[in-house]
Structures are given as structure tokens and as C-alpha cells.
């Protein structure tokens, strides 16, 4: 059903897939209209079948996940079943967030930079098969990258190692790891595409570090949140005490003002 639906609406789906390029895949004039091209007789057919296969897989994926979870349920203790459900939802949302980041941020900015780099010198003619391959590779890779916080939480929650204090030392290595991913995941070595991968990796690591701290807050004081929490609780308790004992609070304030000579009675 997913394959049939994808094939029936292939024009709309292809237009949606090439939308992030903003009409830069070919010259806007001369009959191209900014759309990708194909250089072989079977080029468009191959691209269509690839999209149809992916549409069929996406349509079947919820049933596949449901079947796997149904098979697992008799073997999973009831107290862990809620955690398995939460983990499945977290993995799905994280992966979709990576795909959305590629579609709405990485491709428009990255392609806009690369395809305008040679403006006035050369004209791009991007093959639709190459474009779809790049799109699929980036979405798959960034979907896995966005699983970093979920995997860090999973290790700290189930395996109990590494813990927050161990992950904290990883901050020193994260910039190098982010740079490595930026070099292998981006289609070029320019700074714009490099930062669009490296910066999210470092941000995702911080989110994962916070999630590992939530597993066991006694392991450390993430960004001084414990200290800030104690100060907020102290202020809250003071406000509640003043509201409950306004006369006593005023007398204390009055004694302080008299001691400093602000009032004379």
C-alpha cells in the first residue's frame, strides 16, 4: 500500500524532496526550471523505483516495530515494559528530528552555499539519482547522530556504565569527534557544512550529558543546577515564611533598619 501510494503521488513527493534545493539544481531558464536532470534512459525510472521502495518501507515500519514489540512483550518483565515503550518513542522522535534537521536546515543552507559558489563561472546540472543518494545518506546519518542523547541515557540507565562522571570527561574529545563526523558526513570540506554537523553533535552531547546526570544526580553538579536549585528553594522558603509570619518578618526588618540608622524609632 505504501509503494502504491508513493507511485501514485510521485510528482508531489519528488517536488517535496527537491524543495530544499530552492530551484538551484539546474539553470532556472532554458526549459530546466531549476529541477534536477537525468543523464540516462532509465535514470528517472531508477529514481522513481528507489523512492517507491523507501515509501513502502516507511509505510510498513510502524507495523514492523509493533510486531517486534509484541514478540518481546511476553519476555520483558512488566516493570521494564514502560521503559521499553518510552525508549521506542524516544528513538523514533530523535531519528525524525535528525531527518527534519537535514531537510529544513542542512540542505537549504548547504546546497545554497555550494551551488551558488560558482555563480557566474559554471552552471550546475545535478543528476536526480545523485541528489536522492545525497539526501538519503544525509538523512540516515543525521538520524543516527541525533540518537546520541538517547543512547547515552540508555547506557547510564541500563548498563550503569559509563556514568555521568565518565561522560563528563568526554567533553574534551567531543570537538574532535564532531570534526571527524563533519568531514565524513558533509558533501564538501567547506566551513558552512562542517559547522552544520559539528555544532549539533556538540549540542546533542550536552543534552545526553544532562540526561545521564538525571539518572543519578549524586554523580555531580551539572552546570551548577544543584546550586541553583538550592538557591531557588531557599528563596521560595523565605517567601513562604514571610507570607505566613508577616508581623515577625516586619519586626526583623525594623530591627535591621534601626541598627543601620535608617529609621530612628
Protein backbone atom coordinates (compact mmCIF):
# COMPACT_ATOMS: atom_id res chain seq x y z
CA UNK A 1 0.00 0.00 0.00
CA UNK A 2 2.85 2.39 0.80
CA UNK A 3 4.52 1.64 -2.52
CA UNK A 4 1.28 2.17 -4.46
CA UNK A 5 0.58 5.45 -2.65
CA UNK A 6 4.13 6.68 -3.31
CA UNK A 7 3.94 5.80 -7.01
CA UNK A 8 0.52 7.45 -7.41
CA UNK A 9 1.70 10.72 -5.82
CA UNK A 10 5.25 10.55 -7.19
CA UNK A 11 5.10 14.06 -8.69
CA UNK A 12 4.13 15.66 -5.37
CA UNK A 13 6.68 13.56 -3.48
CA UNK A 14 9.53 14.43 -5.87
CA UNK A 15 8.63 18.11 -5.65
CA UNK A 16 8.75 17.84 -1.85
CA UNK A 17 12.12 16.09 -1.96
CA UNK A 18 13.77 18.66 -4.22
CA UNK A 19 12.20 21.68 -2.47
CA UNK A 20 15.21 22.27 -0.11
CA UNK A 21 17.40 22.98 -3.17
CA UNK A 22 15.32 26.11 -3.89
CA UNK A 23 15.50 25.63 -7.65
CA UNK A 24 19.30 25.58 -7.79
CA UNK A 25 19.79 22.08 -9.21
CA UNK A 26 19.78 23.33 -12.81
CA UNK A 27 19.52 26.65 -14.66
CA UNK A 28 16.18 28.34 -13.97
CA UNK A 29 15.86 29.15 -17.68
CA UNK A 30 16.30 27.19 -20.90
CA UNK A 31 13.50 24.76 -20.02
CA UNK A 32 15.13 23.26 -16.91
CA UNK A 33 13.20 25.27 -14.34
CA UNK A 34 15.71 24.64 -11.58
CA UNK A 35 14.83 20.95 -11.36
CA UNK A 36 17.34 18.05 -11.34
CA UNK A 37 18.20 16.24 -14.54
CA UNK A 38 18.94 12.64 -15.51
CA UNK A 39 21.53 11.55 -18.00
CA UNK A 40 20.42 8.05 -18.99
CA UNK A 41 17.29 6.49 -20.48
CA UNK A 42 16.48 4.60 -17.28
CA UNK A 43 17.63 7.36 -14.91
CA UNK A 44 14.17 8.60 -13.96
CA UNK A 45 12.74 5.09 -13.72
CA UNK A 46 15.55 4.06 -11.35
CA UNK A 47 15.00 7.15 -9.19
CA UNK A 48 11.24 6.51 -9.08
CA UNK A 49 11.66 2.88 -8.05
CA UNK A 50 14.10 3.92 -5.31
CA UNK A 51 11.59 6.43 -3.91
CA UNK A 52 8.73 3.89 -4.16
CA UNK A 53 10.78 1.30 -2.26
CA UNK A 54 11.53 3.81 0.50
CA UNK A 55 7.87 4.83 0.66
CA UNK A 56 6.86 1.19 1.06
CA UNK A 57 9.42 0.71 3.84
CA UNK A 58 8.27 3.84 5.69
CA UNK A 59 4.63 2.74 5.46
CA UNK A 60 5.47 -0.74 6.78
CA UNK A 61 7.79 0.48 9.55
CA UNK A 62 5.08 1.08 12.21
CA UNK A 63 3.77 -2.46 11.73
CA UNK A 64 7.30 -3.87 11.86
CA UNK A 65 8.02 -2.07 15.14
CA UNK A 66 4.66 -3.12 16.58
CA UNK A 67 5.31 -6.76 15.63
CA UNK A 68 8.76 -6.73 17.24
CA UNK A 69 7.40 -5.18 20.43
CA UNK A 70 4.53 -7.72 20.50
CA UNK A 71 7.03 -10.56 20.25
CA UNK A 72 9.16 -9.03 23.02
CA UNK A 73 6.33 -8.32 25.46
CA UNK A 74 5.96 -11.86 26.92
CA UNK A 75 9.71 -11.94 27.64
CA UNK A 76 10.00 -8.48 29.17
CA UNK A 77 9.11 -8.01 32.87
CA UNK A 78 6.12 -5.71 33.34
CA UNK A 79 8.18 -3.16 35.27
CA UNK A 80 10.52 -2.79 32.26
CA UNK A 81 7.79 -2.65 29.62
CA UNK A 82 7.06 1.03 30.23
CA UNK A 83 10.74 1.80 29.80
CA UNK A 84 10.86 -0.17 26.51
CA UNK A 85 7.86 1.81 25.25
CA UNK A 86 9.45 5.09 26.28
CA UNK A 87 12.72 4.09 24.60
CA UNK A 88 10.94 3.21 21.35
CA UNK A 89 9.18 6.58 21.27
CA UNK A 90 12.41 8.44 22.14
CA UNK A 91 14.38 6.68 19.39
CA UNK A 92 11.66 7.39 16.82
CA UNK A 93 11.37 11.07 17.72
CA UNK A 94 15.16 11.51 17.81
CA UNK A 95 15.57 9.94 14.38
CA UNK A 96 12.76 12.08 12.95
CA UNK A 97 14.41 15.17 14.46
CA UNK A 98 17.62 14.31 12.59
CA UNK A 99 15.69 13.93 9.32
CA UNK A 100 13.91 17.26 9.91
CA UNK A 101 17.24 18.96 10.63
CA UNK A 102 18.64 17.76 7.30
CA UNK A 103 15.54 18.77 5.33
CA UNK A 104 14.84 22.18 6.89
CA UNK A 105 18.34 23.37 7.85
CA UNK A 106 21.24 21.41 6.43
CA UNK A 107 20.14 21.01 2.81
CA UNK A 108 18.82 24.56 2.21
CA UNK A 109 21.91 26.18 3.75
CA UNK A 110 24.48 23.69 2.45
CA UNK A 111 23.14 23.44 -1.09
CA UNK A 112 22.59 27.18 -1.25
CA UNK A 113 26.24 27.74 -0.38
CA UNK A 114 27.68 25.05 -2.67
CA UNK A 115 25.51 25.67 -5.74
CA UNK A 116 25.97 29.44 -5.58
CA UNK A 117 29.71 29.19 -5.04
CA UNK A 118 30.42 29.05 -8.76
CA UNK A 119 27.84 31.63 -9.81
CA UNK A 120 29.00 33.43 -12.93
CA UNK A 121 31.63 30.77 -13.63
CA UNK A 122 29.78 27.49 -14.11
CA UNK A 123 26.18 26.23 -14.20
CA UNK A 124 25.08 23.26 -12.07
CA UNK A 125 23.30 20.30 -13.65
CA UNK A 126 22.63 17.93 -10.76
CA UNK A 127 21.55 14.38 -11.57
CA UNK A 128 18.41 13.33 -9.73
CA UNK A 129 19.95 9.99 -8.73
CA UNK A 130 22.94 11.71 -7.15
CA UNK A 131 20.68 14.18 -5.37
CA UNK A 132 18.48 11.43 -3.93
CA UNK A 133 21.56 9.45 -2.87
CA UNK A 134 22.92 12.51 -1.04
CA UNK A 135 19.54 13.21 0.55
CA UNK A 136 19.15 9.61 1.75
CA UNK A 137 22.72 9.41 3.06
CA UNK A 138 22.45 12.67 4.99
CA UNK A 139 19.06 11.81 6.50
CA UNK A 140 20.22 8.35 7.55
CA UNK A 141 23.48 9.64 9.02
CA UNK A 142 22.00 12.61 10.89
CA UNK A 143 19.13 10.45 12.13
CA UNK A 144 21.74 8.21 13.78
CA UNK A 145 23.65 11.24 15.09
CA UNK A 146 20.50 12.56 16.77
CA UNK A 147 20.30 9.28 18.70
CA UNK A 148 23.37 10.28 20.74
CA UNK A 149 21.40 11.59 23.79
CA UNK A 150 19.09 8.56 23.79
CA UNK A 151 21.99 6.10 23.62
CA UNK A 152 23.89 7.91 26.38
CA UNK A 153 20.81 7.77 28.60
CA UNK A 154 20.28 4.10 27.76
CA UNK A 155 23.84 3.13 28.73
CA UNK A 156 23.66 5.06 32.01
CA UNK A 157 20.21 3.71 32.88
CA UNK A 158 20.57 0.04 31.98
CA UNK A 159 24.27 -0.78 31.80
CA UNK A 160 25.17 1.69 34.59
CA UNK A 161 28.42 2.43 32.78
CA UNK A 162 29.64 4.86 31.76
CA UNK A 163 28.06 7.17 34.32
CA UNK A 164 27.74 10.94 34.36
CA UNK A 165 31.22 11.46 35.79
CA UNK A 166 32.67 9.36 32.97
CA UNK A 167 30.66 11.06 30.24
CA UNK A 168 31.77 14.45 31.60
CA UNK A 169 35.37 13.70 30.67
CA UNK A 170 34.19 13.08 27.12
CA UNK A 171 33.63 16.81 26.63
CA UNK A 172 37.31 17.12 25.78
CA UNK A 173 37.00 14.60 22.95
CA UNK A 174 33.62 15.72 21.59
CA UNK A 175 35.01 18.59 19.42
CA UNK A 176 37.40 16.16 17.70
CA UNK A 177 34.60 13.59 17.25
CA UNK A 178 32.30 16.31 15.90
CA UNK A 179 35.01 17.44 13.49
CA UNK A 180 35.50 13.88 12.29
CA UNK A 181 31.78 13.47 11.63
CA UNK A 182 31.71 16.85 9.93
CA UNK A 183 34.39 15.70 7.50
CA UNK A 184 32.84 12.35 6.60
CA UNK A 185 29.14 13.31 6.53
CA UNK A 186 29.22 16.55 4.58
CA UNK A 187 29.50 16.53 0.77
CA UNK A 188 32.36 19.04 0.88
CA UNK A 189 35.06 20.36 3.21
CA UNK A 190 33.76 23.93 3.46
CA UNK A 191 33.24 25.57 6.84
CA UNK A 192 29.47 26.04 6.48
CA UNK A 193 28.65 22.35 6.03
CA UNK A 194 31.34 21.39 8.54
CA UNK A 195 29.75 23.52 11.28
CA UNK A 196 26.23 22.34 10.45
CA UNK A 197 27.30 18.84 11.52
CA UNK A 198 29.87 19.65 14.21
CA UNK A 199 27.79 22.11 16.25
CA UNK A 200 24.70 19.85 16.50
CA UNK A 201 26.91 16.94 17.60
CA UNK A 202 28.34 19.00 20.47
CA UNK A 203 24.87 20.25 21.41
CA UNK A 204 23.43 16.73 21.34
CA UNK A 205 26.27 15.50 23.56
CA UNK A 206 25.38 18.16 26.12
CA UNK A 207 21.74 17.05 26.04
CA UNK A 208 22.87 13.46 26.52
CA UNK A 209 25.16 14.53 29.36
CA UNK A 210 22.23 16.20 31.09
CA UNK A 211 20.11 13.06 30.66
CA UNK A 212 22.84 10.90 32.24
CA UNK A 213 23.00 13.34 35.16
CA UNK A 214 19.24 12.97 35.67
CA UNK A 215 19.75 9.21 36.06
CA UNK A 216 21.87 9.80 39.18
CA UNK A 217 22.19 13.47 40.26
CA UNK A 218 24.55 12.45 43.07
CA UNK A 219 27.23 11.88 40.42
CA UNK A 220 27.92 15.59 40.03
CA UNK A 221 26.57 19.12 39.67
CA UNK A 222 25.68 19.60 36.00
CA UNK A 223 26.10 23.29 35.11
CA UNK A 224 25.65 24.09 38.82
CA UNK A 225 21.99 23.06 38.61
CA UNK A 226 22.14 21.70 42.16
CA UNK A 227 23.45 25.01 43.46
CA UNK A 228 20.85 26.97 41.52
CA UNK A 229 18.13 24.63 42.79
CA UNK A 230 19.23 25.14 46.40
CA UNK A 231 19.17 28.93 45.97
CA UNK A 232 15.70 28.82 44.41
CA UNK A 233 14.40 26.61 47.21
CA UNK A 234 15.93 28.94 49.80
CA UNK A 235 14.22 31.97 48.22
CA UNK A 236 10.93 30.08 47.98
CA UNK A 237 11.10 29.03 51.64
CA UNK A 238 11.89 32.60 52.69
CA UNK A 239 8.90 33.96 50.74
CA UNK A 240 6.59 31.34 52.26
CA UNK A 241 7.92 32.13 55.76
CA UNK A 242 7.27 35.87 55.28
CA UNK A 243 3.75 35.24 53.99
CA UNK A 244 2.94 33.03 56.98
CA UNK A 245 4.55 35.34 59.59
CA UNK A 246 4.25 38.92 58.28
CA UNK A 247 4.41 40.60 61.74
CA UNK A 248 7.52 38.69 62.81
CA UNK A 249 9.14 39.42 59.44
CA UNK A 250 8.39 43.15 59.75
CA UNK A 251 9.91 43.27 63.25
CA UNK A 252 13.09 41.66 61.95
CA UNK A 253 13.28 44.20 59.12
CA UNK A 254 12.57 47.02 61.56
CA UNK A 255 15.43 45.98 63.84
CA UNK A 256 17.82 45.90 60.88
CA UNK A 257 16.74 49.39 59.76
CA UNK A 258 17.16 50.79 63.29
CA UNK A 259 20.59 49.19 63.64
CA UNK A 260 21.75 50.91 60.45
CA UNK A 261 20.20 54.26 61.38
CA UNK A 262 17.72 54.28 58.52
CA UNK A 263 14.81 54.82 60.91
CA UNK A 264 15.04 56.34 64.35
CA UNK A 265 12.44 54.58 66.42
